[in-house]
Amino acid sequence: MADDKKQKAKEVAAENGVLNPGGAVVLAAAPMYLALIPLTYVIRHISSDRFELIYFRSYLTNADSTVQKLGETLINLIPGVASSSMTSGRAIPALSAIYLFWTFGASGAASAAGQAMAREEGLDNNHPRKHTNNLNGLPLRLRSAHYALMENFPAFALAAALAQIIAPADVQVANLLTYHVIAKLLVHYPAYLANLALPRTLAHISATSALINVCWRLAAGS
């Protein structure tokens, strides 16, 4: 009887597309997006009889951190942007330009190149998405990495727009956005192409946590 019930449960699950119920354990990754925030976001309360002060300290993205120096190096590579610091008010637009180019330009071209490599006839530019379901290996990873960037870009765009409006010269906010860009473009994307699951996953989660961190800081008025 018990075996019959189990079999019936499997059949019902299969009808709903669930072939491995144990896969639901992946949901446990959701809290990690919040768990990684304390690495860059710590609230310290100092109380007295008359007032309470709240200090915000970012360990990975505080002023003069390695992340800030990398961000300023990236920004200064953009033609026409002369020695722009994180407090200039131009850092966030510059980071956005880099992210836009890589997400929709460079990785898009790489995705198309992957499709061309996957077919003996090359890329069918008359029907550029017709053969995407037949990709495998590196061509599939090139396309998947491109789409992974596009899926995450709206969250960056929202956080960056809010930051530019509310706190354009906040160095730690700019550094958190810089961390997101570095993690996605210099770690997540290469790891995706190289089929390195662990660094790809950690880069994605920490980069997303940085965006949550930005909005949290802006909401708190830090």
N, C-alpha and C. Protein backbone atom coordinates (compact mmCIF):
# COMPACT_ATOMS: atom_id res chain seq x y z
N MET A 1 0.82 -1.20 0.00
CA MET A 1 0.00 0.00 0.00
C MET A 1 0.86 1.27 0.00
N ALA A 2 1.91 1.25 0.85
CA ALA A 2 2.79 2.42 0.94
C ALA A 2 3.51 2.65 -0.38
N ASP A 3 3.92 1.52 -1.02
CA ASP A 3 4.59 1.64 -2.31
C ASP A 3 3.65 2.21 -3.37
N ASP A 4 2.38 1.83 -3.30
CA ASP A 4 1.40 2.35 -4.25
C ASP A 4 1.21 3.86 -4.08
N LYS A 5 1.20 4.32 -2.82
CA LYS A 5 1.04 5.75 -2.55
C LYS A 5 2.25 6.53 -3.06
N LYS A 6 3.45 5.96 -2.86
CA LYS A 6 4.66 6.61 -3.34
C LYS A 6 4.66 6.72 -4.86
N GLN A 7 4.24 5.62 -5.49
CA GLN A 7 4.19 5.61 -6.94
C GLN A 7 3.18 6.63 -7.46
N LYS A 8 2.04 6.71 -6.77
CA LYS A 8 1.01 7.67 -7.16
C LYS A 8 1.52 9.10 -7.00
N ALA A 9 2.25 9.34 -5.90
CA ALA A 9 2.80 10.67 -5.65
C ALA A 9 3.82 11.04 -6.73
N LYS A 10 4.63 10.07 -7.15
CA LYS A 10 5.60 10.31 -8.22
C LYS A 10 4.91 10.63 -9.53
N GLU A 11 3.82 9.92 -9.80
CA GLU A 11 3.09 10.16 -11.04
C GLU A 11 2.47 11.56 -11.05
N VAL A 12 1.92 11.97 -9.90
CA VAL A 12 1.31 13.31 -9.80
C VAL A 12 2.39 14.37 -9.97
N ALA A 13 3.55 14.15 -9.34
CA ALA A 13 4.65 15.11 -9.46
C ALA A 13 5.14 15.20 -10.90
N ALA A 14 5.24 14.03 -11.55
CA ALA A 14 5.71 14.00 -12.93
C ALA A 14 4.75 14.74 -13.85
N GLU A 15 3.46 14.66 -13.55
CA GLU A 15 2.48 15.38 -14.37
C GLU A 15 2.68 16.90 -14.28
N ASN A 16 3.28 17.34 -13.16
CA ASN A 16 3.57 18.76 -12.97
C ASN A 16 5.01 19.10 -13.35
N GLY A 17 5.67 18.14 -14.03
CA GLY A 17 7.03 18.39 -14.49
C GLY A 17 8.09 18.17 -13.45
N VAL A 18 7.74 17.62 -12.28
CA VAL A 18 8.70 17.38 -11.21
C VAL A 18 9.19 15.94 -11.29
N LEU A 19 10.41 15.75 -11.77
CA LEU A 19 10.98 14.40 -11.86
C LEU A 19 11.91 14.11 -10.70
N ASN A 20 12.37 15.15 -10.02
CA ASN A 20 13.27 14.97 -8.88
C ASN A 20 12.85 15.92 -7.76
N PRO A 21 11.92 15.52 -6.91
CA PRO A 21 11.46 16.39 -5.83
C PRO A 21 12.57 16.89 -4.93
N GLY A 22 13.63 16.09 -4.80
CA GLY A 22 14.76 16.49 -3.97
C GLY A 22 15.46 17.74 -4.48
N GLY A 23 15.21 18.08 -5.75
CA GLY A 23 15.83 19.28 -6.31
C GLY A 23 15.37 20.56 -5.63
N ALA A 24 14.26 20.48 -4.88
CA ALA A 24 13.75 21.65 -4.17
C ALA A 24 14.73 22.16 -3.14
N VAL A 25 15.73 21.36 -2.78
CA VAL A 25 16.71 21.78 -1.79
C VAL A 25 17.51 22.99 -2.27
N VAL A 26 17.55 23.20 -3.59
CA VAL A 26 18.27 24.35 -4.14
C VAL A 26 17.68 25.66 -3.62
N LEU A 27 16.41 25.62 -3.19
CA LEU A 27 15.79 26.82 -2.61
C LEU A 27 16.57 27.33 -1.40
N ALA A 28 17.35 26.46 -0.78
CA ALA A 28 18.14 26.86 0.39
C ALA A 28 19.16 27.93 0.04
N ALA A 29 19.45 28.11 -1.26
CA ALA A 29 20.41 29.13 -1.67
C ALA A 29 19.86 30.54 -1.49
N ALA A 30 18.54 30.69 -1.43
CA ALA A 30 17.94 32.02 -1.36
C ALA A 30 18.45 32.85 -0.19
N PRO A 31 18.53 32.30 1.04
CA PRO A 31 19.01 33.12 2.16
C PRO A 31 20.46 33.57 2.00
N MET A 32 21.22 32.92 1.13
CA MET A 32 22.62 33.30 0.96
C MET A 32 22.75 34.71 0.39
N TYR A 33 21.75 35.15 -0.37
CA TYR A 33 21.79 36.51 -0.91
C TYR A 33 21.76 37.55 0.20
N LEU A 34 21.15 37.19 1.34
CA LEU A 34 21.16 38.06 2.50
C LEU A 34 22.33 37.76 3.42
N ALA A 35 22.70 36.49 3.49
CA ALA A 35 23.78 36.09 4.40
C ALA A 35 25.11 36.73 4.02
N LEU A 36 25.32 37.02 2.73
CA LEU A 36 26.59 37.61 2.31
C LEU A 36 26.64 39.11 2.52
N ILE A 37 25.50 39.74 2.81
CA ILE A 37 25.50 41.19 3.01
C ILE A 37 26.38 41.60 4.20
N PRO A 38 26.40 40.87 5.33
CA PRO A 38 27.27 41.29 6.42
C PRO A 38 28.75 41.36 6.06
N LEU A 39 29.16 40.71 4.98
CA LEU A 39 30.55 40.83 4.56
C LEU A 39 30.88 42.25 4.13
N THR A 40 29.85 42.95 3.68
CA THR A 40 30.08 44.31 3.22
C THR A 40 29.23 45.34 3.95
N TYR A 41 28.39 44.89 4.85
CA TYR A 41 27.45 45.82 5.46
C TYR A 41 27.28 45.47 6.93
N VAL A 42 27.81 46.29 7.82
CA VAL A 42 27.73 46.03 9.25
C VAL A 42 27.13 47.25 9.93
N ILE A 43 26.12 47.05 10.74
CA ILE A 43 25.50 48.15 11.46
C ILE A 43 26.00 48.13 12.91
N ARG A 44 26.53 49.23 13.35
CA ARG A 44 27.00 49.33 14.72
C ARG A 44 26.16 50.37 15.47
N HIS A 45 25.61 49.98 16.60
CA HIS A 45 24.78 50.87 17.40
C HIS A 45 25.59 51.35 18.61
N ILE A 46 25.61 52.62 18.82
CA ILE A 46 26.23 53.19 20.02
C ILE A 46 25.15 54.01 20.71
N SER A 47 24.71 53.52 21.86
CA SER A 47 23.58 54.14 22.53
C SER A 47 24.03 54.99 23.72
N SER A 48 23.26 56.00 24.01
CA SER A 48 23.45 56.80 25.22
C SER A 48 22.08 57.14 25.76
N ASP A 49 22.04 57.90 26.82
CA ASP A 49 20.75 58.25 27.40
C ASP A 49 19.96 59.18 26.48
N ARG A 50 20.66 59.91 25.64
CA ARG A 50 19.98 60.96 24.87
C ARG A 50 19.86 60.67 23.39
N PHE A 51 20.73 59.83 22.85
CA PHE A 51 20.65 59.61 21.41
C PHE A 51 21.28 58.27 21.06
N GLU A 52 21.07 57.86 19.83
CA GLU A 52 21.65 56.63 19.31
C GLU A 52 22.28 56.92 17.96
N LEU A 53 23.50 56.51 17.79
CA LEU A 53 24.19 56.68 16.52
C LEU A 53 24.27 55.34 15.81
N ILE A 54 24.14 55.37 14.50
CA ILE A 54 24.27 54.15 13.69
C ILE A 54 25.40 54.34 12.71
N TYR A 55 26.39 53.47 12.78
CA TYR A 55 27.52 53.55 11.88
C TYR A 55 27.46 52.41 10.88
N PHE A 56 27.75 52.73 9.64
CA PHE A 56 27.76 51.72 8.57
C PHE A 56 29.19 51.55 8.10
N ARG A 57 29.64 50.34 8.07
CA ARG A 57 31.01 50.10 7.63
C ARG A 57 31.02 48.96 6.63
N SER A 58 31.62 49.19 5.50
CA SER A 58 31.72 48.16 4.46
C SER A 58 33.14 47.61 4.45
N TYR A 59 33.28 46.34 4.73
CA TYR A 59 34.61 45.76 4.83
C TYR A 59 35.28 45.56 3.47
N LEU A 60 34.50 45.16 2.47
CA LEU A 60 35.09 44.90 1.16
C LEU A 60 35.11 46.14 0.28
N THR A 61 34.28 47.12 0.61
CA THR A 61 34.10 48.24 -0.31
C THR A 61 34.26 49.60 0.39
N ASN A 62 34.98 49.65 1.51
CA ASN A 62 35.16 50.95 2.15
C ASN A 62 36.14 51.81 1.36
N ALA A 63 36.30 53.04 1.77
CA ALA A 63 37.13 53.99 1.04
C ALA A 63 38.56 53.49 0.92
N ASP A 64 39.15 53.70 -0.25
CA ASP A 64 40.53 53.31 -0.55
C ASP A 64 40.74 51.80 -0.55
N SER A 65 39.66 51.04 -0.68
CA SER A 65 39.78 49.59 -0.75
C SER A 65 40.30 49.17 -2.12
N THR A 66 40.65 47.90 -2.22
CA THR A 66 41.10 47.35 -3.51
C THR A 66 40.00 47.46 -4.55
N VAL A 67 38.74 47.26 -4.11
CA VAL A 67 37.62 47.38 -5.04
C VAL A 67 37.55 48.78 -5.61
N GLN A 68 37.74 49.79 -4.77
CA GLN A 68 37.70 51.17 -5.26
C GLN A 68 38.81 51.44 -6.27
N LYS A 69 40.00 50.95 -5.98
CA LYS A 69 41.12 51.18 -6.89
C LYS A 69 40.89 50.47 -8.23
N LEU A 70 40.34 49.27 -8.18
CA LEU A 70 40.03 48.56 -9.42
C LEU A 70 38.96 49.31 -10.21
N GLY A 71 37.95 49.83 -9.49
CA GLY A 71 36.90 50.57 -10.16
C GLY A 71 37.43 51.82 -10.84
N GLU A 72 38.29 52.56 -10.16
CA GLU A 72 38.85 53.77 -10.75
C GLU A 72 39.74 53.44 -11.95
N THR A 73 40.43 52.30 -11.88
CA THR A 73 41.24 51.86 -13.02
C THR A 73 40.35 51.56 -14.22
N LEU A 74 39.23 50.85 -13.99
CA LEU A 74 38.30 50.54 -15.07
C LEU A 74 37.73 51.81 -15.68
N ILE A 75 37.32 52.73 -14.82
CA ILE A 75 36.70 53.97 -15.30
C ILE A 75 37.67 54.78 -16.14
N ASN A 76 38.91 54.82 -15.70
CA ASN A 76 39.90 55.63 -16.42
C ASN A 76 40.29 55.03 -17.77
N LEU A 77 39.85 53.80 -18.04
CA LEU A 77 40.09 53.20 -19.36
C LEU A 77 39.12 53.73 -20.41
N ILE A 78 38.03 54.37 -19.96
CA ILE A 78 37.03 54.87 -20.89
C ILE A 78 37.54 56.15 -21.54
N PRO A 79 37.61 56.20 -22.86
CA PRO A 79 38.07 57.42 -23.53
C PRO A 79 37.21 58.63 -23.16
N GLY A 80 37.87 59.72 -22.85
CA GLY A 80 37.15 60.95 -22.54
C GLY A 80 36.79 61.12 -21.08
N VAL A 81 36.94 60.06 -20.29
CA VAL A 81 36.68 60.15 -18.85
C VAL A 81 38.02 60.28 -18.16
N ALA A 82 38.37 61.49 -17.79
CA ALA A 82 39.71 61.77 -17.27
C ALA A 82 39.75 61.65 -15.75
N SER A 83 40.48 60.68 -15.28
CA SER A 83 40.78 60.53 -13.85
C SER A 83 39.56 60.80 -12.97
N SER A 84 38.52 60.03 -13.20
CA SER A 84 37.28 60.23 -12.43
C SER A 84 37.31 59.41 -11.15
N SER A 85 37.20 60.07 -10.00
CA SER A 85 37.20 59.38 -8.72
C SER A 85 35.79 58.92 -8.39
N MET A 86 35.69 58.09 -7.35
CA MET A 86 34.39 57.55 -6.97
C MET A 86 33.48 58.61 -6.36
N THR A 87 34.01 59.74 -5.99
CA THR A 87 33.18 60.79 -5.39
C THR A 87 32.87 61.91 -6.38
N SER A 88 33.20 61.72 -7.64
CA SER A 88 33.04 62.80 -8.62
C SER A 88 31.61 62.97 -9.11
N GLY A 89 30.76 61.95 -8.86
CA GLY A 89 29.41 61.97 -9.41
C GLY A 89 29.33 61.39 -10.80
N ARG A 90 30.50 61.05 -11.39
CA ARG A 90 30.53 60.48 -12.74
C ARG A 90 30.89 59.00 -12.72
N ALA A 91 31.22 58.49 -11.54
CA ALA A 91 31.65 57.10 -11.46
C ALA A 91 30.54 56.13 -11.83
N ILE A 92 29.33 56.38 -11.35
CA ILE A 92 28.22 55.47 -11.61
C ILE A 92 27.84 55.44 -13.09
N PRO A 93 27.72 56.60 -13.77
CA PRO A 93 27.49 56.54 -15.22
C PRO A 93 28.61 55.83 -15.96
N ALA A 94 29.85 56.02 -15.52
CA ALA A 94 30.98 55.36 -16.18
C ALA A 94 30.91 53.84 -16.01
N LEU A 95 30.60 53.39 -14.79
CA LEU A 95 30.43 51.96 -14.55
C LEU A 95 29.29 51.40 -15.39
N SER A 96 28.22 52.18 -15.51
CA SER A 96 27.07 51.75 -16.30
C SER A 96 27.44 51.60 -17.77
N ALA A 97 28.29 52.51 -18.27
CA ALA A 97 28.73 52.42 -19.66
C ALA A 97 29.51 51.13 -19.90
N ILE A 98 30.38 50.79 -18.94
CA ILE A 98 31.17 49.56 -19.06
C ILE A 98 30.26 48.34 -19.05
N TYR A 99 29.33 48.35 -18.10
CA TYR A 99 28.42 47.20 -17.95
C TYR A 99 27.51 47.06 -19.17
N LEU A 100 27.01 48.19 -19.68
CA LEU A 100 26.17 48.16 -20.88
C LEU A 100 26.92 47.57 -22.07
N PHE A 101 28.14 48.04 -22.27
CA PHE A 101 28.93 47.55 -23.40
C PHE A 101 29.14 46.05 -23.31
N TRP A 102 29.54 45.59 -22.12
CA TRP A 102 29.86 44.17 -22.01
C TRP A 102 28.61 43.31 -22.08
N THR A 103 27.52 43.76 -21.46
CA THR A 103 26.30 42.95 -21.43
C THR A 103 25.64 42.83 -22.79
N PHE A 104 25.50 43.96 -23.48
CA PHE A 104 24.74 43.96 -24.73
C PHE A 104 25.61 44.00 -25.97
N GLY A 105 26.89 44.36 -25.80
CA GLY A 105 27.79 44.41 -26.94
C GLY A 105 28.73 43.23 -27.01
N ALA A 106 29.72 43.21 -26.12
CA ALA A 106 30.77 42.19 -26.18
C ALA A 106 30.23 40.78 -25.97
N SER A 107 29.45 40.57 -24.91
CA SER A 107 28.95 39.21 -24.66
C SER A 107 27.91 38.81 -25.69
N GLY A 108 27.19 39.80 -26.25
CA GLY A 108 26.23 39.50 -27.32
C GLY A 108 26.95 39.03 -28.57
N ALA A 109 28.06 39.69 -28.90
CA ALA A 109 28.86 39.26 -30.06
C ALA A 109 29.45 37.88 -29.81
N ALA A 110 29.89 37.64 -28.57
CA ALA A 110 30.45 36.32 -28.23
C ALA A 110 29.38 35.24 -28.34
N SER A 111 28.15 35.57 -27.94
CA SER A 111 27.05 34.61 -28.06
C SER A 111 26.78 34.28 -29.52
N ALA A 112 26.77 35.31 -30.38
CA ALA A 112 26.56 35.07 -31.81
C ALA A 112 27.70 34.25 -32.40
N ALA A 113 28.94 34.53 -31.93
CA ALA A 113 30.08 33.76 -32.41
C ALA A 113 29.95 32.29 -32.00
N GLY A 114 29.43 32.07 -30.80
CA GLY A 114 29.21 30.69 -30.35
C GLY A 114 28.22 29.96 -31.24
N GLN A 115 27.15 30.66 -31.64
CA GLN A 115 26.18 30.05 -32.54
C GLN A 115 26.81 29.74 -33.90
N ALA A 116 27.67 30.65 -34.37
CA ALA A 116 28.35 30.43 -35.65
C ALA A 116 29.28 29.23 -35.57
N MET A 117 29.95 29.07 -34.41
CA MET A 117 30.88 27.94 -34.23
C MET A 117 30.15 26.61 -34.12
N ALA A 118 28.88 26.66 -33.71
CA ALA A 118 28.14 25.43 -33.46
C ALA A 118 27.56 24.82 -34.73
N ARG A 119 27.61 25.55 -35.85
CA ARG A 119 27.03 25.05 -37.10
C ARG A 119 28.08 25.05 -38.20
N GLU A 120 28.14 23.97 -38.95
CA GLU A 120 29.09 23.90 -40.07
C GLU A 120 28.80 24.99 -41.08
N GLU A 121 27.52 25.38 -41.18
CA GLU A 121 27.14 26.43 -42.13
C GLU A 121 27.41 27.83 -41.60
N GLY A 122 27.80 27.91 -40.32
CA GLY A 122 28.02 29.20 -39.70
C GLY A 122 26.73 29.82 -39.20
N LEU A 123 26.79 31.09 -38.80
CA LEU A 123 25.63 31.78 -38.26
C LEU A 123 24.60 32.05 -39.34
N ASP A 124 23.36 31.68 -39.06
CA ASP A 124 22.25 31.98 -39.97
C ASP A 124 21.69 33.34 -39.56
N ASN A 125 22.21 34.41 -40.15
CA ASN A 125 21.84 35.76 -39.72
C ASN A 125 20.42 36.14 -40.16
N ASN A 126 19.82 35.37 -41.05
CA ASN A 126 18.43 35.61 -41.41
C ASN A 126 17.48 35.10 -40.33
N HIS A 127 17.94 34.08 -39.61
CA HIS A 127 17.16 33.49 -38.51
C HIS A 127 18.12 33.24 -37.34
N PRO A 128 18.59 34.31 -36.69
CA PRO A 128 19.68 34.18 -35.72
C PRO A 128 19.35 33.41 -34.46
N ARG A 129 18.07 33.18 -34.17
CA ARG A 129 17.72 32.43 -32.96
C ARG A 129 17.11 31.06 -33.28
N LYS A 130 17.10 30.70 -34.54
CA LYS A 130 16.44 29.47 -34.95
C LYS A 130 17.13 28.23 -34.39
N HIS A 131 18.46 28.29 -34.25
CA HIS A 131 19.22 27.09 -33.89
C HIS A 131 19.73 27.12 -32.46
N THR A 132 19.24 28.05 -31.65
CA THR A 132 19.78 28.18 -30.29
C THR A 132 19.48 26.98 -29.40
N ASN A 133 18.41 26.26 -29.69
CA ASN A 133 18.08 25.09 -28.87
C ASN A 133 18.97 23.89 -29.15
N ASN A 134 19.81 23.99 -30.16
CA ASN A 134 20.68 22.88 -30.51
C ASN A 134 22.13 23.09 -30.05
N LEU A 135 22.36 24.12 -29.26
CA LEU A 135 23.72 24.42 -28.82
C LEU A 135 24.15 23.47 -27.71
N ASN A 136 25.47 23.29 -27.59
CA ASN A 136 26.04 22.45 -26.54
C ASN A 136 27.47 22.91 -26.28
N GLY A 137 28.02 22.54 -25.15
CA GLY A 137 29.41 22.85 -24.86
C GLY A 137 29.68 24.34 -24.80
N LEU A 138 30.84 24.76 -25.35
CA LEU A 138 31.23 26.17 -25.30
C LEU A 138 30.22 27.09 -25.97
N PRO A 139 29.70 26.77 -27.17
CA PRO A 139 28.69 27.66 -27.76
C PRO A 139 27.48 27.89 -26.85
N LEU A 140 27.04 26.84 -26.15
CA LEU A 140 25.92 27.00 -25.22
C LEU A 140 26.31 27.89 -24.06
N ARG A 141 27.54 27.71 -23.53
CA ARG A 141 27.97 28.53 -22.40
C ARG A 141 28.13 29.99 -22.81
N LEU A 142 28.58 30.25 -24.03
CA LEU A 142 28.68 31.63 -24.51
C LEU A 142 27.30 32.30 -24.54
N ARG A 143 26.32 31.58 -25.01
CA ARG A 143 24.96 32.13 -25.05
C ARG A 143 24.39 32.25 -23.64
N SER A 144 24.60 31.24 -22.80
CA SER A 144 24.05 31.26 -21.45
C SER A 144 24.67 32.37 -20.61
N ALA A 145 25.98 32.58 -20.77
CA ALA A 145 26.65 33.64 -20.03
C ALA A 145 26.13 35.01 -20.44
N HIS A 146 25.87 35.17 -21.73
CA HIS A 146 25.30 36.42 -22.25
C HIS A 146 23.93 36.67 -21.64
N TYR A 147 23.08 35.65 -21.63
CA TYR A 147 21.75 35.82 -21.08
C TYR A 147 21.77 36.01 -19.57
N ALA A 148 22.74 35.40 -18.90
CA ALA A 148 22.86 35.60 -17.46
C ALA A 148 23.16 37.06 -17.14
N LEU A 149 24.01 37.70 -17.94
CA LEU A 149 24.29 39.12 -17.74
C LEU A 149 23.04 39.97 -17.99
N MET A 150 22.32 39.66 -19.06
CA MET A 150 21.12 40.43 -19.38
C MET A 150 20.05 40.28 -18.30
N GLU A 151 19.95 39.09 -17.71
CA GLU A 151 18.96 38.87 -16.66
C GLU A 151 19.26 39.70 -15.42
N ASN A 152 20.55 39.95 -15.16
CA ASN A 152 20.93 40.68 -13.95
C ASN A 152 21.07 42.17 -14.17
N PHE A 153 21.15 42.59 -15.43
CA PHE A 153 21.37 44.01 -15.69
C PHE A 153 20.24 44.90 -15.15
N PRO A 154 18.96 44.52 -15.25
CA PRO A 154 17.92 45.41 -14.71
C PRO A 154 18.09 45.73 -13.23
N ALA A 155 18.54 44.75 -12.44
CA ALA A 155 18.75 45.01 -11.01
C ALA A 155 19.88 46.02 -10.81
N PHE A 156 20.96 45.88 -11.60
CA PHE A 156 22.04 46.86 -11.52
C PHE A 156 21.55 48.23 -11.95
N ALA A 157 20.77 48.27 -13.04
CA ALA A 157 20.28 49.55 -13.55
C ALA A 157 19.43 50.26 -12.50
N LEU A 158 18.57 49.52 -11.80
CA LEU A 158 17.73 50.12 -10.77
C LEU A 158 18.59 50.68 -9.64
N ALA A 159 19.52 49.85 -9.13
CA ALA A 159 20.36 50.30 -8.02
C ALA A 159 21.22 51.49 -8.43
N ALA A 160 21.77 51.44 -9.64
CA ALA A 160 22.62 52.53 -10.12
C ALA A 160 21.83 53.82 -10.29
N ALA A 161 20.61 53.72 -10.83
CA ALA A 161 19.78 54.91 -11.03
C ALA A 161 19.41 55.55 -9.69
N LEU A 162 19.02 54.73 -8.72
CA LEU A 162 18.70 55.25 -7.40
C LEU A 162 19.91 55.90 -6.76
N ALA A 163 21.06 55.25 -6.90
CA ALA A 163 22.29 55.79 -6.31
C ALA A 163 22.67 57.12 -6.93
N GLN A 164 22.53 57.22 -8.26
CA GLN A 164 22.89 58.45 -8.94
C GLN A 164 21.97 59.61 -8.55
N ILE A 165 20.72 59.28 -8.25
CA ILE A 165 19.75 60.31 -7.85
C ILE A 165 19.93 60.71 -6.38
N ILE A 166 20.09 59.69 -5.52
CA ILE A 166 20.08 59.94 -4.08
C ILE A 166 21.47 60.25 -3.51
N ALA A 167 22.49 59.50 -3.97
CA ALA A 167 23.81 59.64 -3.37
C ALA A 167 24.91 59.48 -4.42
N PRO A 168 24.99 60.39 -5.38
CA PRO A 168 25.96 60.22 -6.48
C PRO A 168 27.41 60.29 -6.05
N ALA A 169 27.68 60.89 -4.90
CA ALA A 169 29.07 61.03 -4.46
C ALA A 169 29.40 60.14 -3.26
N ASP A 170 28.51 59.21 -2.92
CA ASP A 170 28.75 58.30 -1.80
C ASP A 170 29.75 57.24 -2.24
N VAL A 171 30.93 57.26 -1.66
CA VAL A 171 32.01 56.39 -2.14
C VAL A 171 31.70 54.92 -1.90
N GLN A 172 31.06 54.60 -0.77
CA GLN A 172 30.79 53.19 -0.49
C GLN A 172 29.69 52.63 -1.38
N VAL A 173 28.70 53.45 -1.69
CA VAL A 173 27.67 53.03 -2.63
C VAL A 173 28.29 52.78 -4.00
N ALA A 174 29.13 53.72 -4.44
CA ALA A 174 29.80 53.55 -5.74
C ALA A 174 30.69 52.31 -5.73
N ASN A 175 31.36 52.06 -4.62
CA ASN A 175 32.23 50.89 -4.52
C ASN A 175 31.44 49.59 -4.55
N LEU A 176 30.24 49.59 -3.95
CA LEU A 176 29.40 48.40 -4.00
C LEU A 176 28.95 48.12 -5.43
N LEU A 177 28.60 49.17 -6.16
CA LEU A 177 28.25 48.99 -7.57
C LEU A 177 29.47 48.51 -8.35
N THR A 178 30.63 49.03 -8.00
CA THR A 178 31.87 48.58 -8.64
C THR A 178 32.11 47.11 -8.38
N TYR A 179 31.88 46.71 -7.12
CA TYR A 179 32.07 45.29 -6.78
C TYR A 179 31.16 44.41 -7.64
N HIS A 180 29.90 44.85 -7.81
CA HIS A 180 28.97 44.08 -8.64
C HIS A 180 29.51 43.92 -10.06
N VAL A 181 29.97 45.03 -10.64
CA VAL A 181 30.48 44.98 -12.01
C VAL A 181 31.70 44.07 -12.11
N ILE A 182 32.62 44.20 -11.16
CA ILE A 182 33.83 43.37 -11.17
C ILE A 182 33.48 41.90 -11.01
N ALA A 183 32.58 41.60 -10.06
CA ALA A 183 32.21 40.20 -9.81
C ALA A 183 31.53 39.58 -11.03
N LYS A 184 30.66 40.35 -11.69
CA LYS A 184 29.92 39.81 -12.83
C LYS A 184 30.79 39.70 -14.08
N LEU A 185 31.59 40.73 -14.36
CA LEU A 185 32.33 40.76 -15.61
C LEU A 185 33.68 40.05 -15.54
N LEU A 186 34.34 40.14 -14.40
CA LEU A 186 35.70 39.59 -14.30
C LEU A 186 35.76 38.23 -13.61
N VAL A 187 34.66 37.81 -12.97
CA VAL A 187 34.66 36.50 -12.31
C VAL A 187 33.53 35.63 -12.86
N HIS A 188 32.29 36.10 -12.74
CA HIS A 188 31.15 35.30 -13.14
C HIS A 188 31.19 34.92 -14.63
N TYR A 189 31.40 35.92 -15.49
CA TYR A 189 31.39 35.64 -16.93
C TYR A 189 32.51 34.69 -17.35
N PRO A 190 33.78 34.94 -16.97
CA PRO A 190 34.83 33.98 -17.35
C PRO A 190 34.60 32.59 -16.75
N ALA A 191 34.11 32.54 -15.50
CA ALA A 191 33.86 31.24 -14.87
C ALA A 191 32.77 30.48 -15.62
N TYR A 192 31.78 31.22 -16.13
CA TYR A 192 30.71 30.59 -16.91
C TYR A 192 31.31 29.95 -18.16
N LEU A 193 32.17 30.69 -18.86
CA LEU A 193 32.76 30.15 -20.09
C LEU A 193 33.67 28.97 -19.82
N ALA A 194 34.38 29.03 -18.67
CA ALA A 194 35.31 27.96 -18.32
C ALA A 194 34.63 26.78 -17.65
N ASN A 195 33.31 26.89 -17.43
CA ASN A 195 32.53 25.83 -16.80
C ASN A 195 32.99 25.56 -15.37
N LEU A 196 33.26 26.65 -14.62
CA LEU A 196 33.67 26.56 -13.23
C LEU A 196 32.48 26.97 -12.36
N ALA A 197 31.76 25.98 -11.87
CA ALA A 197 30.47 26.24 -11.23
C ALA A 197 30.59 27.01 -9.92
N LEU A 198 31.55 26.66 -9.06
CA LEU A 198 31.61 27.28 -7.73
C LEU A 198 31.94 28.77 -7.79
N PRO A 199 33.02 29.18 -8.47
CA PRO A 199 33.28 30.63 -8.53
C PRO A 199 32.18 31.40 -9.27
N ARG A 200 31.57 30.75 -10.27
CA ARG A 200 30.45 31.40 -10.98
C ARG A 200 29.30 31.68 -10.02
N THR A 201 28.95 30.68 -9.21
CA THR A 201 27.82 30.83 -8.29
C THR A 201 28.12 31.84 -7.20
N LEU A 202 29.32 31.76 -6.61
CA LEU A 202 29.68 32.69 -5.54
C LEU A 202 29.74 34.13 -6.05
N ALA A 203 30.25 34.31 -7.26
CA ALA A 203 30.33 35.65 -7.83
C ALA A 203 28.93 36.21 -8.06
N HIS A 204 28.03 35.37 -8.56
CA HIS A 204 26.67 35.82 -8.81
C HIS A 204 25.97 36.21 -7.51
N ILE A 205 26.07 35.35 -6.50
CA ILE A 205 25.37 35.63 -5.24
C ILE A 205 25.93 36.87 -4.57
N SER A 206 27.25 36.99 -4.50
CA SER A 206 27.84 38.15 -3.84
C SER A 206 27.57 39.43 -4.62
N ALA A 207 27.56 39.34 -5.96
CA ALA A 207 27.26 40.53 -6.77
C ALA A 207 25.83 40.99 -6.55
N THR A 208 24.90 40.05 -6.44
CA THR A 208 23.50 40.40 -6.18
C THR A 208 23.35 40.96 -4.77
N SER A 209 24.06 40.39 -3.82
CA SER A 209 24.03 40.90 -2.45
C SER A 209 24.51 42.35 -2.40
N ALA A 210 25.49 42.68 -3.24
CA ALA A 210 25.99 44.06 -3.27
C ALA A 210 24.89 45.03 -3.72
N LEU A 211 24.05 44.61 -4.67
CA LEU A 211 22.96 45.48 -5.12
C LEU A 211 21.90 45.64 -4.04
N ILE A 212 21.58 44.55 -3.35
CA ILE A 212 20.66 44.65 -2.22
C ILE A 212 21.22 45.61 -1.18
N ASN A 213 22.52 45.49 -0.96
CA ASN A 213 23.24 46.34 -0.02
C ASN A 213 23.10 47.82 -0.40
N VAL A 214 23.26 48.11 -1.69
CA VAL A 214 23.14 49.50 -2.16
C VAL A 214 21.77 50.07 -1.82
N CYS A 215 20.72 49.34 -2.18
CA CYS A 215 19.36 49.83 -1.91
C CYS A 215 19.09 49.94 -0.42
N TRP A 216 19.63 49.02 0.36
CA TRP A 216 19.49 49.06 1.81
C TRP A 216 20.13 50.34 2.36
N ARG A 217 21.33 50.62 1.92
CA ARG A 217 22.04 51.81 2.40
C ARG A 217 21.29 53.09 2.01
N LEU A 218 20.80 53.12 0.77
CA LEU A 218 20.08 54.30 0.31
C LEU A 218 18.79 54.50 1.12
N ALA A 219 18.09 53.39 1.39
CA ALA A 219 16.87 53.48 2.18
C ALA A 219 17.14 53.93 3.61
N ALA A 220 18.29 53.51 4.15
CA ALA A 220 18.65 53.87 5.52
C ALA A 220 19.22 55.28 5.62
N GLY A 221 19.58 55.84 4.47
CA GLY A 221 20.13 57.19 4.46
C GLY A 221 21.55 57.24 4.98
N SER A 222 22.31 56.13 4.77
CA SER A 222 23.68 56.09 5.29
C SER A 222 24.61 56.92 4.43
